[in-house]
């Protein structure tokens, strides 16, 4: 999980500390969205654990997934 987070943060130019702090900066939000989708859809990690690792609530993780689902249809 930490490897995926580190990889996406590096690619997007976001620090892990900024991600974990719950920052709402557009770059951080985009990286968080990618992380959430990959960890849940690819690895099946529980929403609550992904939320803890990305600095947001479980509800926020659920909203990210819902919004991603609407964009792909």
Protein backbone atom coordinates (compact mmCIF):
# COMPACT_ATOMS: atom_id res chain seq x y z
CA UNK A 1 0.00 0.00 0.00
CA UNK A 2 2.78 2.44 0.90
CA UNK A 3 4.52 1.67 -2.42
CA UNK A 4 1.42 2.60 -4.42
CA UNK A 5 0.96 5.79 -2.40
CA UNK A 6 4.61 6.75 -2.84
CA UNK A 7 4.58 6.00 -6.57
CA UNK A 8 1.49 8.12 -7.28
CA UNK A 9 2.67 10.97 -5.03
CA UNK A 10 6.01 11.12 -6.85
CA UNK A 11 4.31 11.03 -10.25
CA UNK A 12 1.91 13.84 -9.29
CA UNK A 13 4.49 15.96 -7.44
CA UNK A 14 2.72 15.72 -4.08
CA UNK A 15 4.35 15.01 -0.72
CA UNK A 16 3.05 12.10 1.33
CA UNK A 17 2.76 14.40 4.35
CA UNK A 18 0.51 16.73 2.38
CA UNK A 19 -1.66 13.80 1.31
CA UNK A 20 -1.96 12.44 4.85
CA UNK A 21 -2.81 15.88 6.24
CA UNK A 22 -6.07 15.89 4.28
CA UNK A 23 -5.07 18.78 2.03
CA UNK A 24 -7.71 19.78 -0.52
CA UNK A 25 -5.28 21.32 -3.02
CA UNK A 26 -6.22 20.22 -6.55
CA UNK A 27 -3.02 18.24 -7.14
CA UNK A 28 -3.39 16.45 -3.82
CA UNK A 29 -7.05 15.66 -4.48
CA UNK A 30 -6.17 14.22 -7.88
CA UNK A 31 -3.43 12.05 -6.43
CA UNK A 32 -5.72 10.93 -3.61
CA UNK A 33 -8.38 9.96 -6.13
CA UNK A 34 -5.90 7.83 -8.10
CA UNK A 35 -4.65 6.19 -4.92
CA UNK A 36 -8.16 5.40 -3.67
CA UNK A 37 -9.22 3.86 -6.96
CA UNK A 38 -6.11 1.75 -7.37
CA UNK A 39 -6.00 0.46 -3.79
CA UNK A 40 -9.67 -0.47 -3.67
CA UNK A 41 -10.29 -1.68 -7.22
CA UNK A 42 -6.96 -3.44 -7.79
CA UNK A 43 -6.01 -4.66 -4.33
CA UNK A 44 -9.38 -4.81 -2.55
CA UNK A 45 -8.19 -2.89 0.50
CA UNK A 46 -11.07 -1.86 2.82
CA UNK A 47 -12.43 1.68 2.53
CA UNK A 48 -11.60 2.51 6.15
CA UNK A 49 -7.94 1.55 5.75
CA UNK A 50 -7.61 3.54 2.52
CA UNK A 51 -9.20 6.50 4.30
CA UNK A 52 -6.67 6.31 7.15
CA UNK A 53 -3.75 6.13 4.74
CA UNK A 54 -4.93 9.05 2.60
CA UNK A 55 -5.96 11.45 5.37
CA UNK A 56 -9.70 11.60 4.69
CA UNK A 57 -12.85 10.03 6.10
CA UNK A 58 -14.38 6.77 4.94
CA UNK A 59 -17.28 8.83 3.59
CA UNK A 60 -14.86 10.88 1.47
CA UNK A 61 -13.36 7.69 0.02
CA UNK A 62 -16.86 6.48 -0.85
CA UNK A 63 -17.61 9.79 -2.58
CA UNK A 64 -14.38 9.54 -4.60
CA UNK A 65 -15.41 6.10 -5.83
CA UNK A 66 -18.93 7.27 -6.65
CA UNK A 67 -17.66 10.25 -8.64
CA UNK A 68 -15.14 8.11 -10.53
CA UNK A 69 -17.93 5.67 -11.40
CA UNK A 70 -20.12 8.46 -12.79
CA UNK A 71 -17.32 9.84 -14.99
CA UNK A 72 -16.64 6.48 -16.65
CA UNK A 73 -20.23 5.95 -17.81
